[in-house]
C-alpha atoms as a PDB file:
ATOM      1  CA  UNK A   1       8.019  -8.348 -20.764  1.00  0.00           C
ATOM      2  CA  UNK A   2       8.651 -10.931 -18.051  1.00  0.00           C
ATOM      3  CA  UNK A   3      11.209 -11.428 -15.328  1.00  0.00           C
ATOM      4  CA  UNK A   4      11.383  -7.832 -14.134  1.00  0.00           C
ATOM      5  CA  UNK A   5      12.809  -6.544 -10.861  1.00  0.00           C
ATOM      6  CA  UNK A   6      10.942  -3.852  -8.928  1.00  0.00           C
ATOM      7  CA  UNK A   7      12.390  -1.466  -6.350  1.00  0.00           C
ATOM      8  CA  UNK A   8      10.064  -0.262  -3.589  1.00  0.00           C
ATOM      9  CA  UNK A   9      11.355   2.608  -1.472  1.00  0.00           C
ATOM     10  CA  UNK A  10      10.171   3.205   2.124  1.00  0.00           C
ATOM     11  CA  UNK A  11       8.975  -0.377   2.156  1.00  0.00           C
ATOM     12  CA  UNK A  12       8.227  -0.617   5.879  1.00  0.00           C
ATOM     13  CA  UNK A  13       5.535   2.062   5.567  1.00  0.00           C
ATOM     14  CA  UNK A  14       1.856   1.303   5.046  1.00  0.00           C
ATOM     15  CA  UNK A  15       1.941   2.203   1.378  1.00  0.00           C
ATOM     16  CA  UNK A  16       5.246   0.499   0.678  1.00  0.00           C
ATOM     17  CA  UNK A  17       4.142  -2.828   2.149  1.00  0.00           C
ATOM     18  CA  UNK A  18       0.863  -2.594   0.233  1.00  0.00           C
ATOM     19  CA  UNK A  19       2.714  -2.004  -3.030  1.00  0.00           C
ATOM     20  CA  UNK A  20       4.950  -5.022  -2.378  1.00  0.00           C
ATOM     21  CA  UNK A  21       1.988  -7.298  -1.661  1.00  0.00           C
ATOM     22  CA  UNK A  22       0.138  -6.108  -4.763  1.00  0.00           C
ATOM     23  CA  UNK A  23       3.201  -6.529  -6.984  1.00  0.00           C
ATOM     24  CA  UNK A  24       3.802 -10.024  -5.628  1.00  0.00           C
ATOM     25  CA  UNK A  25       0.377 -11.041  -6.937  1.00  0.00           C
ATOM     26  CA  UNK A  26       1.217  -9.873 -10.466  1.00  0.00           C
ATOM     27  CA  UNK A  27       2.579 -12.054 -13.251  1.00  0.00           C
ATOM     28  CA  UNK A  28       5.939 -11.000 -14.652  1.00  0.00           C
ATOM     29  CA  UNK A  29       7.282  -9.730 -11.342  1.00  0.00           C
ATOM     30  CA  UNK A  30      10.423 -11.790 -10.820  1.00  0.00           C
ATOM     31  CA  UNK A  31      11.769 -10.076  -7.726  1.00  0.00           C
ATOM     32  CA  UNK A  32      11.192  -7.118  -5.444  1.00  0.00           C
ATOM     33  CA  UNK A  33      13.943  -5.169  -3.714  1.00  0.00           C
ATOM     34  CA  UNK A  34      12.797  -3.164  -0.686  1.00  0.00           C
ATOM     35  CA  UNK A  35      14.481  -0.226   1.005  1.00  0.00           C
ATOM     36  CA  UNK A  36      14.539   0.995   4.585  1.00  0.00           C
ATOM     37  CA  UNK A  37      16.555   3.595   6.432  1.00  0.00           C
ATOM     38  CA  UNK A  38      17.550   0.755   8.748  1.00  0.00           C
ATOM     39  CA  UNK A  39      17.535  -2.545   6.826  1.00  0.00           C
ATOM     40  CA  UNK A  40      18.565  -4.481   9.936  1.00  0.00           C
ATOM     41  CA  UNK A  41      15.498  -3.414  11.935  1.00  0.00           C
ATOM     42  CA  UNK A  42      12.870  -6.070  12.736  1.00  0.00           C
ATOM     43  CA  UNK A  43      10.268  -4.347  10.534  1.00  0.00           C
ATOM     44  CA  UNK A  44      12.678  -4.247   7.600  1.00  0.00           C
ATOM     45  CA  UNK A  45      13.816  -7.837   8.053  1.00  0.00           C
ATOM     46  CA  UNK A  46      10.168  -8.926   8.188  1.00  0.00           C
ATOM     47  CA  UNK A  47       9.843  -7.778   4.576  1.00  0.00           C
ATOM     48  CA  UNK A  48      12.006 -10.720   3.520  1.00  0.00           C
ATOM     49  CA  UNK A  49       9.133 -13.007   4.493  1.00  0.00           C
ATOM     50  CA  UNK A  50       6.888 -11.393   1.872  1.00  0.00           C
ATOM     51  CA  UNK A  51       6.529 -13.176  -1.445  1.00  0.00           C
ATOM     52  CA  UNK A  52       9.129 -12.221  -4.093  1.00  0.00           C
ATOM     53  CA  UNK A  53      11.120  -9.874  -1.815  1.00  0.00           C
ATOM     54  CA  UNK A  54      14.740 -10.881  -2.393  1.00  0.00           C
ATOM     55  CA  UNK A  55      16.616  -8.266  -0.398  1.00  0.00           C
ATOM     56  CA  UNK A  56      16.293  -5.171   1.775  1.00  0.00           C
ATOM     57  CA  UNK A  57      18.817  -2.391   1.181  1.00  0.00           C
ATOM     58  CA  UNK A  58      19.537   0.885   2.942  1.00  0.00           C
ATOM     59  CA  UNK A  59      18.213   4.186   1.596  1.00  0.00           C
ATOM     60  CA  UNK A  60      17.641   7.521   3.297  1.00  0.00           C
ATOM     61  CA  UNK A  61      15.990  10.284   1.287  1.00  0.00           C
ATOM     62  CA  UNK A  62      18.184  12.828   3.092  1.00  0.00           C
ATOM     63  CA  UNK A  63      21.253  11.041   1.709  1.00  0.00           C
ATOM     64  CA  UNK A  64      21.334  11.062  -2.119  1.00  0.00           C
ATOM     65  CA  UNK A  65      24.352   8.745  -2.163  1.00  0.00           C
ATOM     66  CA  UNK A  66      22.389   6.065  -0.314  1.00  0.00           C
ATOM     67  CA  UNK A  67      19.491   6.389  -2.763  1.00  0.00           C
ATOM     68  CA  UNK A  68      21.829   5.991  -5.723  1.00  0.00           C
ATOM     69  CA  UNK A  69      23.509   3.006  -4.079  1.00  0.00           C
ATOM     70  CA  UNK A  70      20.142   1.302  -3.518  1.00  0.00           C
ATOM     71  CA  UNK A  71      19.110   1.844  -7.131  1.00  0.00           C
ATOM     72  CA  UNK A  72      22.438   0.465  -8.337  1.00  0.00           C
ATOM     73  CA  UNK A  73      22.312  -2.577  -6.071  1.00  0.00           C
ATOM     74  CA  UNK A  74      18.733  -3.384  -7.037  1.00  0.00           C
ATOM     75  CA  UNK A  75      19.290  -3.251 -10.806  1.00  0.00           C
ATOM     76  CA  UNK A  76      15.531  -2.703 -10.876  1.00  0.00           C
ATOM     77  CA  UNK A  77      13.561  -2.124 -14.042  1.00  0.00           C
ATOM     78  CA  UNK A  78      10.719  -0.277 -12.332  1.00  0.00           C
ATOM     79  CA  UNK A  79      10.677   1.856  -9.217  1.00  0.00           C
ATOM     80  CA  UNK A  80       8.061   3.084  -6.737  1.00  0.00           C
ATOM     81  CA  UNK A  81       8.431   5.822  -4.127  1.00  0.00           C
ATOM     82  CA  UNK A  82       6.477   8.238  -1.970  1.00  0.00           C
ATOM     83  CA  UNK A  83       7.283  11.045   0.456  1.00  0.00           C
ATOM     84  CA  UNK A  84       6.016  11.618   3.990  1.00  0.00           C
ATOM     85  CA  UNK A  85       5.663  15.170   5.297  1.00  0.00           C
ATOM     86  CA  UNK A  86       4.998  13.990   8.833  1.00  0.00           C
ATOM     87  CA  UNK A  87       8.194  11.936   9.044  1.00  0.00           C
ATOM     88  CA  UNK A  88      10.161  15.188   8.871  1.00  0.00           C
ATOM     89  CA  UNK A  89      11.152  16.726  12.242  1.00  0.00           C
ATOM     90  CA  UNK A  90       8.579  19.343  13.241  1.00  0.00           C
ATOM     91  CA  UNK A  91      10.873  22.380  13.059  1.00  0.00           C
ATOM     92  CA  UNK A  92      12.037  21.393   9.556  1.00  0.00           C
ATOM     93  CA  UNK A  93       8.609  20.394   8.249  1.00  0.00           C
ATOM     94  CA  UNK A  94       8.065  22.609   5.191  1.00  0.00           C
ATOM     95  CA  UNK A  95       6.894  22.288   1.609  1.00  0.00           C
ATOM     96  CA  UNK A  96      10.455  22.784   0.379  1.00  0.00           C
ATOM     97  CA  UNK A  97      11.877  20.152   2.722  1.00  0.00           C
ATOM     98  CA  UNK A  98       9.465  17.448   1.616  1.00  0.00           C
ATOM     99  CA  UNK A  99       9.841  18.397  -2.045  1.00  0.00           C
ATOM    100  CA  UNK A 100      13.624  18.103  -1.700  1.00  0.00           C
ATOM    101  CA  UNK A 101      13.301  14.540  -0.398  1.00  0.00           C
ATOM    102  CA  UNK A 102      11.275  13.518  -3.432  1.00  0.00           C
ATOM    103  CA  UNK A 103      13.559  15.394  -5.803  1.00  0.00           C
ATOM    104  CA  UNK A 104      16.534  13.551  -4.325  1.00  0.00           C
ATOM    105  CA  UNK A 105      14.926  10.275  -5.395  1.00  0.00           C
ATOM    106  CA  UNK A 106      14.095  11.544  -8.884  1.00  0.00           C
ATOM    107  CA  UNK A 107      17.604  12.905  -9.396  1.00  0.00           C
ATOM    108  CA  UNK A 108      19.220   9.679  -8.195  1.00  0.00           C
ATOM    109  CA  UNK A 109      17.085   7.609 -10.566  1.00  0.00           C
ATOM    110  CA  UNK A 110      18.019   9.827 -13.492  1.00  0.00           C
ATOM    111  CA  UNK A 111      21.709   9.718 -12.559  1.00  0.00           C
ATOM    112  CA  UNK A 112      21.673   5.937 -12.193  1.00  0.00           C
ATOM    113  CA  UNK A 113      20.195   5.528 -15.660  1.00  0.00           C
ATOM    114  CA  UNK A 114      22.427   8.115 -17.346  1.00  0.00           C
ATOM    115  CA  UNK A 115      25.651   6.896 -15.750  1.00  0.00           C
ATOM    116  CA  UNK A 116      24.978   3.243 -16.406  1.00  0.00           C
ATOM    117  CA  UNK A 117      24.900   2.420 -12.697  1.00  0.00           C
ATOM    118  CA  UNK A 118      21.486   0.939 -13.455  1.00  0.00           C
ATOM    119  CA  UNK A 119      20.744   0.894 -17.165  1.00  0.00           C
ATOM    120  CA  UNK A 120      17.678  -1.304 -16.589  1.00  0.00           C
ATOM    121  CA  UNK A 121      15.408   1.508 -15.344  1.00  0.00           C
ATOM    122  CA  UNK A 122      12.286   1.867 -17.468  1.00  0.00           C
ATOM    123  CA  UNK A 123       9.409   3.287 -15.457  1.00  0.00           C
ATOM    124  CA  UNK A 124       8.825   5.105 -12.152  1.00  0.00           C
ATOM    125  CA  UNK A 125       5.619   5.523 -10.147  1.00  0.00           C
ATOM    126  CA  UNK A 126       5.227   8.213  -7.488  1.00  0.00           C
ATOM    127  CA  UNK A 127       2.467   7.944  -4.889  1.00  0.00           C
ATOM    128  CA  UNK A 128       1.430  11.555  -4.333  1.00  0.00           C
ATOM    129  CA  UNK A 129      -1.831  12.883  -2.854  1.00  0.00           C
ATOM    130  CA  UNK A 130      -5.269  13.685  -4.244  1.00  0.00           C
ATOM    131  CA  UNK A 131      -5.623  17.170  -5.762  1.00  0.00           C
ATOM    132  CA  UNK A 132      -1.982  17.914  -4.955  1.00  0.00           C
ATOM    133  CA  UNK A 133      -2.050  21.089  -7.069  1.00  0.00           C
ATOM    134  CA  UNK A 134      -5.749  21.840  -6.661  1.00  0.00           C
ATOM    135  CA  UNK A 135      -5.998  22.884  -3.025  1.00  0.00           C
ATOM    136  CA  UNK A 136      -5.163  25.960  -0.916  1.00  0.00           C
ATOM    137  CA  UNK A 137      -1.488  26.947  -1.015  1.00  0.00           C
ATOM    138  CA  UNK A 138      -1.342  26.663   2.769  1.00  0.00           C
ATOM    139  CA  UNK A 139      -1.776  22.893   2.553  1.00  0.00           C
ATOM    140  CA  UNK A 140       1.977  22.524   2.260  1.00  0.00           C
ATOM    141  CA  UNK A 141       2.193  18.730   2.333  1.00  0.00           C
ATOM    142  CA  UNK A 142      -0.040  18.565  -0.742  1.00  0.00           C
ATOM    143  CA  UNK A 143       1.882  21.176  -2.716  1.00  0.00           C
ATOM    144  CA  UNK A 144       5.200  19.568  -1.781  1.00  0.00           C
ATOM    145  CA  UNK A 145       4.064  16.446  -3.607  1.00  0.00           C
ATOM    146  CA  UNK A 146       2.906  18.544  -6.562  1.00  0.00           C
ATOM    147  CA  UNK A 147       6.449  19.926  -6.695  1.00  0.00           C
ATOM    148  CA  UNK A 148       7.835  16.380  -6.807  1.00  0.00           C
ATOM    149  CA  UNK A 149       5.403  15.483  -9.600  1.00  0.00           C
ATOM    150  CA  UNK A 150       6.521  18.492 -11.618  1.00  0.00           C
ATOM    151  CA  UNK A 151      10.199  17.743 -11.073  1.00  0.00           C
ATOM    152  CA  UNK A 152       9.691  14.132 -12.115  1.00  0.00           C
ATOM    153  CA  UNK A 153       7.856  15.113 -15.300  1.00  0.00           C
ATOM    154  CA  UNK A 154      10.656  17.542 -16.162  1.00  0.00           C
ATOM    155  CA  UNK A 155      13.540  15.179 -15.458  1.00  0.00           C
ATOM    156  CA  UNK A 156      12.043  12.036 -16.967  1.00  0.00           C
ATOM    157  CA  UNK A 157      11.736  13.411 -20.476  1.00  0.00           C
ATOM    158  CA  UNK A 158      12.095  11.404 -23.671  1.00  0.00           C
ATOM    159  CA  UNK A 159      15.868  11.841 -23.684  1.00  0.00           C
ATOM    160  CA  UNK A 160      16.149  10.281 -20.222  1.00  0.00           C
ATOM    161  CA  UNK A 161      14.743   6.966 -21.397  1.00  0.00           C
ATOM    162  CA  UNK A 162      12.526   6.832 -18.301  1.00  0.00           C
ATOM    163  CA  UNK A 163       8.733   7.036 -18.214  1.00  0.00           C
ATOM    164  CA  UNK A 164       6.616   7.956 -15.192  1.00  0.00           C
ATOM    165  CA  UNK A 165       3.134   7.779 -13.689  1.00  0.00           C
ATOM    166  CA  UNK A 166       1.534   9.295 -10.591  1.00  0.00           C
ATOM    167  CA  UNK A 167      -1.133   7.874  -8.297  1.00  0.00           C
ATOM    168  CA  UNK A 168      -2.898  10.475  -6.154  1.00  0.00           C
ATOM    169  CA  UNK A 169      -4.605   8.776  -3.190  1.00  0.00           C
ATOM    170  CA  UNK A 170      -7.165  10.615  -1.076  1.00  0.00           C
ATOM    171  CA  UNK A 171      -7.556  10.308   2.727  1.00  0.00           C
ATOM    172  CA  UNK A 172      -6.585   6.910   4.107  1.00  0.00           C
ATOM    173  CA  UNK A 173      -9.167   4.770   5.896  1.00  0.00           C
ATOM    174  CA  UNK A 174      -6.229   3.793   8.113  1.00  0.00           C
ATOM    175  CA  UNK A 175      -6.217   7.319   9.556  1.00  0.00           C
ATOM    176  CA  UNK A 176      -9.123   6.349  11.824  1.00  0.00           C
ATOM    177  CA  UNK A 177      -6.809   3.878  13.574  1.00  0.00           C
ATOM    178  CA  UNK A 178      -3.366   5.419  13.737  1.00  0.00           C
ATOM    179  CA  UNK A 179      -1.489   5.372  17.013  1.00  0.00           C
ATOM    180  CA  UNK A 180       1.272   7.470  15.434  1.00  0.00           C
ATOM    181  CA  UNK A 181      -1.161  10.395  15.240  1.00  0.00           C
ATOM    182  CA  UNK A 182      -2.641   9.644  18.675  1.00  0.00           C
ATOM    183  CA  UNK A 183      -5.838   8.353  17.108  1.00  0.00           C
ATOM    184  CA  UNK A 184      -6.188   4.635  17.887  1.00  0.00           C
ATOM    185  CA  UNK A 185      -9.513   2.974  17.078  1.00  0.00           C
ATOM    186  CA  UNK A 186     -10.827   2.767  20.629  1.00  0.00           C
ATOM    187  CA  UNK A 187     -13.813   0.473  21.150  1.00  0.00           C
ATOM    188  CA  UNK A 188     -17.076   2.331  20.589  1.00  0.00           C
ATOM    189  CA  UNK A 189     -15.521   5.501  19.160  1.00  0.00           C
ATOM    190  CA  UNK A 190     -14.502   6.656  15.693  1.00  0.00           C
ATOM    191  CA  UNK A 191     -12.535   9.884  15.381  1.00  0.00           C
ATOM    192  CA  UNK A 192     -11.591  11.986  12.373  1.00  0.00           C
ATOM    193  CA  UNK A 193     -10.681  15.622  11.769  1.00  0.00           C
ATOM    194  CA  UNK A 194     -13.847  16.823  10.002  1.00  0.00           C
ATOM    195  CA  UNK A 195     -17.272  17.689  11.405  1.00  0.00           C
ATOM    196  CA  UNK A 196     -19.737  14.751  11.509  1.00  0.00           C
ATOM    197  CA  UNK A 197     -21.791  15.475   8.387  1.00  0.00           C
ATOM    198  CA  UNK A 198     -18.914  16.411   6.068  1.00  0.00           C
ATOM    199  CA  UNK A 199     -18.365  13.877   3.294  1.00  0.00           C
ATOM    200  CA  UNK A 200     -14.730  12.952   2.609  1.00  0.00           C
ATOM    201  CA  UNK A 201     -13.308  10.602   0.004  1.00  0.00           C
ATOM    202  CA  UNK A 202     -11.277   7.710   1.399  1.00  0.00           C
ATOM    203  CA  UNK A 203      -9.076   4.897   0.176  1.00  0.00           C
ATOM    204  CA  UNK A 204      -7.507   1.873   1.866  1.00  0.00           C
ATOM    205  CA  UNK A 205      -3.728   1.502   1.678  1.00  0.00           C
ATOM    206  CA  UNK A 206      -4.277  -1.969   0.241  1.00  0.00           C
ATOM    207  CA  UNK A 207      -6.014  -0.344  -2.720  1.00  0.00           C
ATOM    208  CA  UNK A 208      -3.263   2.249  -3.094  1.00  0.00           C
ATOM    209  CA  UNK A 209      -0.895  -0.683  -3.413  1.00  0.00           C
ATOM    210  CA  UNK A 210      -3.085  -2.335  -6.017  1.00  0.00           C
ATOM    211  CA  UNK A 211      -3.389   0.881  -8.004  1.00  0.00           C
ATOM    212  CA  UNK A 212       0.354   1.504  -7.943  1.00  0.00           C
ATOM    213  CA  UNK A 213       0.997  -2.088  -9.012  1.00  0.00           C
ATOM    214  CA  UNK A 214      -1.245  -1.604 -12.043  1.00  0.00           C
ATOM    215  CA  UNK A 215       0.652   1.551 -13.025  1.00  0.00           C
ATOM    216  CA  UNK A 216       4.020  -0.122 -12.462  1.00  0.00           C
ATOM    217  CA  UNK A 217       3.194  -3.178 -14.550  1.00  0.00           C
ATOM    218  CA  UNK A 218       1.446  -1.298 -17.372  1.00  0.00           C
ATOM    219  CA  UNK A 219       3.748   1.601 -18.297  1.00  0.00           C
ATOM    220  CA  UNK A 220       2.624   1.701 -21.922  1.00  0.00           C
ATOM    221  CA  UNK A 221      -0.940   2.447 -20.801  1.00  0.00           C
ATOM    222  CA  UNK A 222      -0.191   4.814 -17.923  1.00  0.00           C
ATOM    223  CA  UNK A 223       3.010   6.610 -18.933  1.00  0.00           C
ATOM    224  CA  UNK A 224       2.708  10.346 -18.289  1.00  0.00           C
ATOM    225  CA  UNK A 225      -0.665   9.963 -16.554  1.00  0.00           C
ATOM    226  CA  UNK A 226      -1.808  11.253 -13.176  1.00  0.00           C
ATOM    227  CA  UNK A 227      -4.495   9.067 -11.601  1.00  0.00           C
ATOM    228  CA  UNK A 228      -6.729  10.360  -8.802  1.00  0.00           C
ATOM    229  CA  UNK A 229      -7.494   7.438  -6.486  1.00  0.00           C
ATOM    230  CA  UNK A 230     -10.520   7.030  -4.188  1.00  0.00           C
ATOM    231  CA  UNK A 231     -12.481   3.986  -3.086  1.00  0.00           C
ATOM    232  CA  UNK A 232     -15.496   5.556  -1.365  1.00  0.00           C
ATOM    233  CA  UNK A 233     -16.997   8.718   0.080  1.00  0.00           C
ATOM    234  CA  UNK A 234     -18.342   8.855   3.639  1.00  0.00           C
ATOM    235  CA  UNK A 235     -19.283  11.428   6.215  1.00  0.00           C
ATOM    236  CA  UNK A 236     -18.154  10.870   9.770  1.00  0.00           C
ATOM    237  CA  UNK A 237     -21.673   9.764  10.649  1.00  0.00           C
ATOM    238  CA  UNK A 238     -21.764   7.274   7.758  1.00  0.00           C
ATOM    239  CA  UNK A 239     -18.354   5.848   8.585  1.00  0.00           C
ATOM    240  CA  UNK A 240     -19.374   5.458  12.217  1.00  0.00           C
ATOM    241  CA  UNK A 241     -22.516   3.622  11.136  1.00  0.00           C
ATOM    242  CA  UNK A 242     -20.384   1.243   9.076  1.00  0.00           C
ATOM    243  CA  UNK A 243     -18.119   0.571  12.052  1.00  0.00           C
ATOM    244  CA  UNK A 244     -21.108  -0.003  14.333  1.00  0.00           C
ATOM    245  CA  UNK A 245     -22.684  -2.522  11.964  1.00  0.00           C
ATOM    246  CA  UNK A 246     -19.464  -4.396  11.217  1.00  0.00           C
ATOM    247  CA  UNK A 247     -18.129  -4.465  14.781  1.00  0.00           C
ATOM    248  CA  UNK A 248     -21.409  -5.239  16.517  1.00  0.00           C
ATOM    249  CA  UNK A 249     -20.732  -2.346  18.897  1.00  0.00           C
ATOM    250  CA  UNK A 250     -22.695   0.898  18.882  1.00  0.00           C
ATOM    251  CA  UNK A 251     -20.150   3.603  18.115  1.00  0.00           C
ATOM    252  CA  UNK A 252     -20.045   7.370  18.451  1.00  0.00           C
ATOM    253  CA  UNK A 253     -18.263   9.889  16.244  1.00  0.00           C
ATOM    254  CA  UNK A 254     -15.895  12.435  17.737  1.00  0.00           C
ATOM    255  CA  UNK A 255     -13.481  15.020  16.404  1.00  0.00           C
ATOM    256  CA  UNK A 256      -9.926  13.709  16.522  1.00  0.00           C
ATOM    257  CA  UNK A 257      -8.624  17.121  17.593  1.00  0.00           C
ATOM    258  CA  UNK A 258     -10.178  20.368  18.794  1.00  0.00           C
ATOM    259  CA  UNK A 259     -10.192  22.809  15.891  1.00  0.00           C
ATOM    260  CA  UNK A 260      -8.357  25.499  17.868  1.00  0.00           C
ATOM    261  CA  UNK A 261      -5.507  23.069  18.618  1.00  0.00           C
ATOM    262  CA  UNK A 262      -5.060  22.413  14.905  1.00  0.00           C
ATOM    263  CA  UNK A 263      -5.181  26.143  14.181  1.00  0.00           C
ATOM    264  CA  UNK A 264      -2.575  26.952  16.829  1.00  0.00           C
ATOM    265  CA  UNK A 265      -0.116  24.089  16.404  1.00  0.00           C
ATOM    266  CA  UNK A 266      -0.916  22.164  13.203  1.00  0.00           C
ATOM    267  CA  UNK A 267      -1.510  24.751  10.518  1.00  0.00           C
ATOM    268  CA  UNK A 268      -1.075  22.347   7.631  1.00  0.00           C
ATOM    269  CA  UNK A 269      -3.630  19.940   9.071  1.00  0.00           C
ATOM    270  CA  UNK A 270      -5.995  22.818   9.865  1.00  0.00           C
ATOM    271  CA  UNK A 271      -5.971  24.171   6.306  1.00  0.00           C
ATOM    272  CA  UNK A 272      -6.398  20.681   4.855  1.00  0.00           C
ATOM    273  CA  UNK A 273      -9.382  20.021   7.114  1.00  0.00           C
ATOM    274  CA  UNK A 274     -11.143  23.286   6.301  1.00  0.00           C
ATOM    275  CA  UNK A 275     -10.559  22.552   2.605  1.00  0.00           C
ATOM    276  CA  UNK A 276     -12.162  19.128   3.072  1.00  0.00           C
ATOM    277  CA  UNK A 277     -15.196  20.909   4.509  1.00  0.00           C
ATOM    278  CA  UNK A 278     -15.342  23.638   1.855  1.00  0.00           C
ATOM    279  CA  UNK A 279     -14.564  21.620  -1.282  1.00  0.00           C
ATOM    280  CA  UNK A 280     -12.508  18.477  -0.841  1.00  0.00           C
ATOM    281  CA  UNK A 281     -11.122  15.848  -3.149  1.00  0.00           C
ATOM    282  CA  UNK A 282     -12.319  15.650  -6.758  1.00  0.00           C
ATOM    283  CA  UNK A 283     -11.342  12.017  -7.461  1.00  0.00           C
ATOM    284  CA  UNK A 284     -13.816  10.032  -9.566  1.00  0.00           C
ATOM    285  CA  UNK A 285     -14.501   6.860  -7.577  1.00  0.00           C
ATOM    286  CA  UNK A 286     -15.980   4.924 -10.494  1.00  0.00           C
ATOM    287  CA  UNK A 287     -13.033   5.862 -12.718  1.00  0.00           C
ATOM    288  CA  UNK A 288     -10.592   4.492 -10.147  1.00  0.00           C
ATOM    289  CA  UNK A 289     -12.621   1.301  -9.867  1.00  0.00           C
ATOM    290  CA  UNK A 290     -11.813   0.636 -13.515  1.00  0.00           C
ATOM    291  CA  UNK A 291      -8.221   0.245 -12.290  1.00  0.00           C
ATOM    292  CA  UNK A 292      -8.987  -1.393  -8.930  1.00  0.00           C
ATOM    293  CA  UNK A 293     -12.482  -2.923  -9.290  1.00  0.00           C
ATOM    294  CA  UNK A 294     -12.679  -4.154  -5.689  1.00  0.00           C
ATOM    295  CA  UNK A 295     -11.621  -0.865  -4.075  1.00  0.00           C
ATOM    296  CA  UNK A 296     -13.019  -0.878  -0.545  1.00  0.00           C
ATOM    297  CA  UNK A 297     -15.682   1.266   1.059  1.00  0.00           C
ATOM    298  CA  UNK A 298     -15.933   1.759   4.820  1.00  0.00           C
ATOM    299  CA  UNK A 299     -17.849  -1.471   5.388  1.00  0.00           C
ATOM    300  CA  UNK A 300     -15.295  -3.551   3.484  1.00  0.00           C
ATOM    301  CA  UNK A 301     -12.397  -1.828   5.217  1.00  0.00           C
ATOM    302  CA  UNK A 302     -13.753  -2.525   8.693  1.00  0.00           C
ATOM    303  CA  UNK A 303     -14.613  -6.126   7.787  1.00  0.00           C
ATOM    304  CA  UNK A 304     -11.006  -6.698   6.761  1.00  0.00           C
ATOM    305  CA  UNK A 305      -9.710  -4.869   9.807  1.00  0.00           C
ATOM    306  CA  UNK A 306     -11.810  -6.947  12.184  1.00  0.00           C
ATOM    307  CA  UNK A 307     -10.530  -5.556  15.475  1.00  0.00           C
ATOM    308  CA  UNK A 308     -10.027  -2.559  17.708  1.00  0.00           C
ATOM    309  CA  UNK A 309      -6.637  -0.941  18.251  1.00  0.00           C
ATOM    310  CA  UNK A 310      -6.010  -3.042  21.370  1.00  0.00           C
ATOM    311  CA  UNK A 311      -6.420  -6.278  19.408  1.00  0.00           C
ATOM    312  CA  UNK A 312      -9.913  -7.125  20.659  1.00  0.00           C
ATOM    313  CA  UNK A 313     -11.880  -8.737  17.841  1.00  0.00           C
ATOM    314  CA  UNK A 314     -15.123  -7.243  16.606  1.00  0.00           C
ATOM    315  CA  UNK A 315     -18.188  -9.016  18.014  1.00  0.00           C
ATOM    316  CA  UNK A 316     -19.715  -9.549  14.591  1.00  0.00           C
ATOM    317  CA  UNK A 317     -18.710  -9.161  10.974  1.00  0.00           C
ATOM    318  CA  UNK A 318     -21.655  -7.859   8.969  1.00  0.00           C
END
């Protein structure tokens, strides 16, 4: 089927922008409608410069009416969304709170289809997290997404006329350069939450976007499927070596946060980190590469990145 419209929620986020760019490269994508809590913001308006983005509309996951209005205005055939635990105010940051945000989206999609507000809806893709339901219960931001997955599978039954797929990305490569979490990629240093020799599976947001675009544009193949998504596996030492070689600067590995600080003030992050060190993600890298063949490893990610957090270019590009 050609000439389809796609709706991408939370489009100013790293994943949302990546999904838009990947969809724009696909045949049969006629237009993309993006959402933002503030569509008049510079970051939201910048989305209109991306290929195939025709409009940016308002949507706030705390406001079901705004979600429904965005779905109606878009008249989209296929829809992508994710949820972000860490965008929730700290005192309200719980499994139930995040799950409610995702459920609000699912319920609005179902209502739009059933009421005729948007009869075009065919397929929905949710970007969740690796091993969402296969980790310690105290990792609340994982289980919240598992709750959204379950709600989606229940609501989008055969009678609804809507099919669904889930992509479960592992740790983001982008986490090693994230000012929002006070972890910019400072020249000569790479920081992450695990101890140096612990291997963790990673994925680049660009590849999350590509994976989601495949699921969105191939509903017949991926309907009802949950795809674990990982591009590579690296220890802190290995990732630091990759950065050193690509940047031309000898780098050291450091812990992003003292473990006791996580234990005292960031329980969710603490339990996730200790799970990484005890077991970790189970995603099959080679299986995901059948969906995204050029999924990046650390070397490829740093080559594409090409600079430190302050904008200084890497000396070399190995």
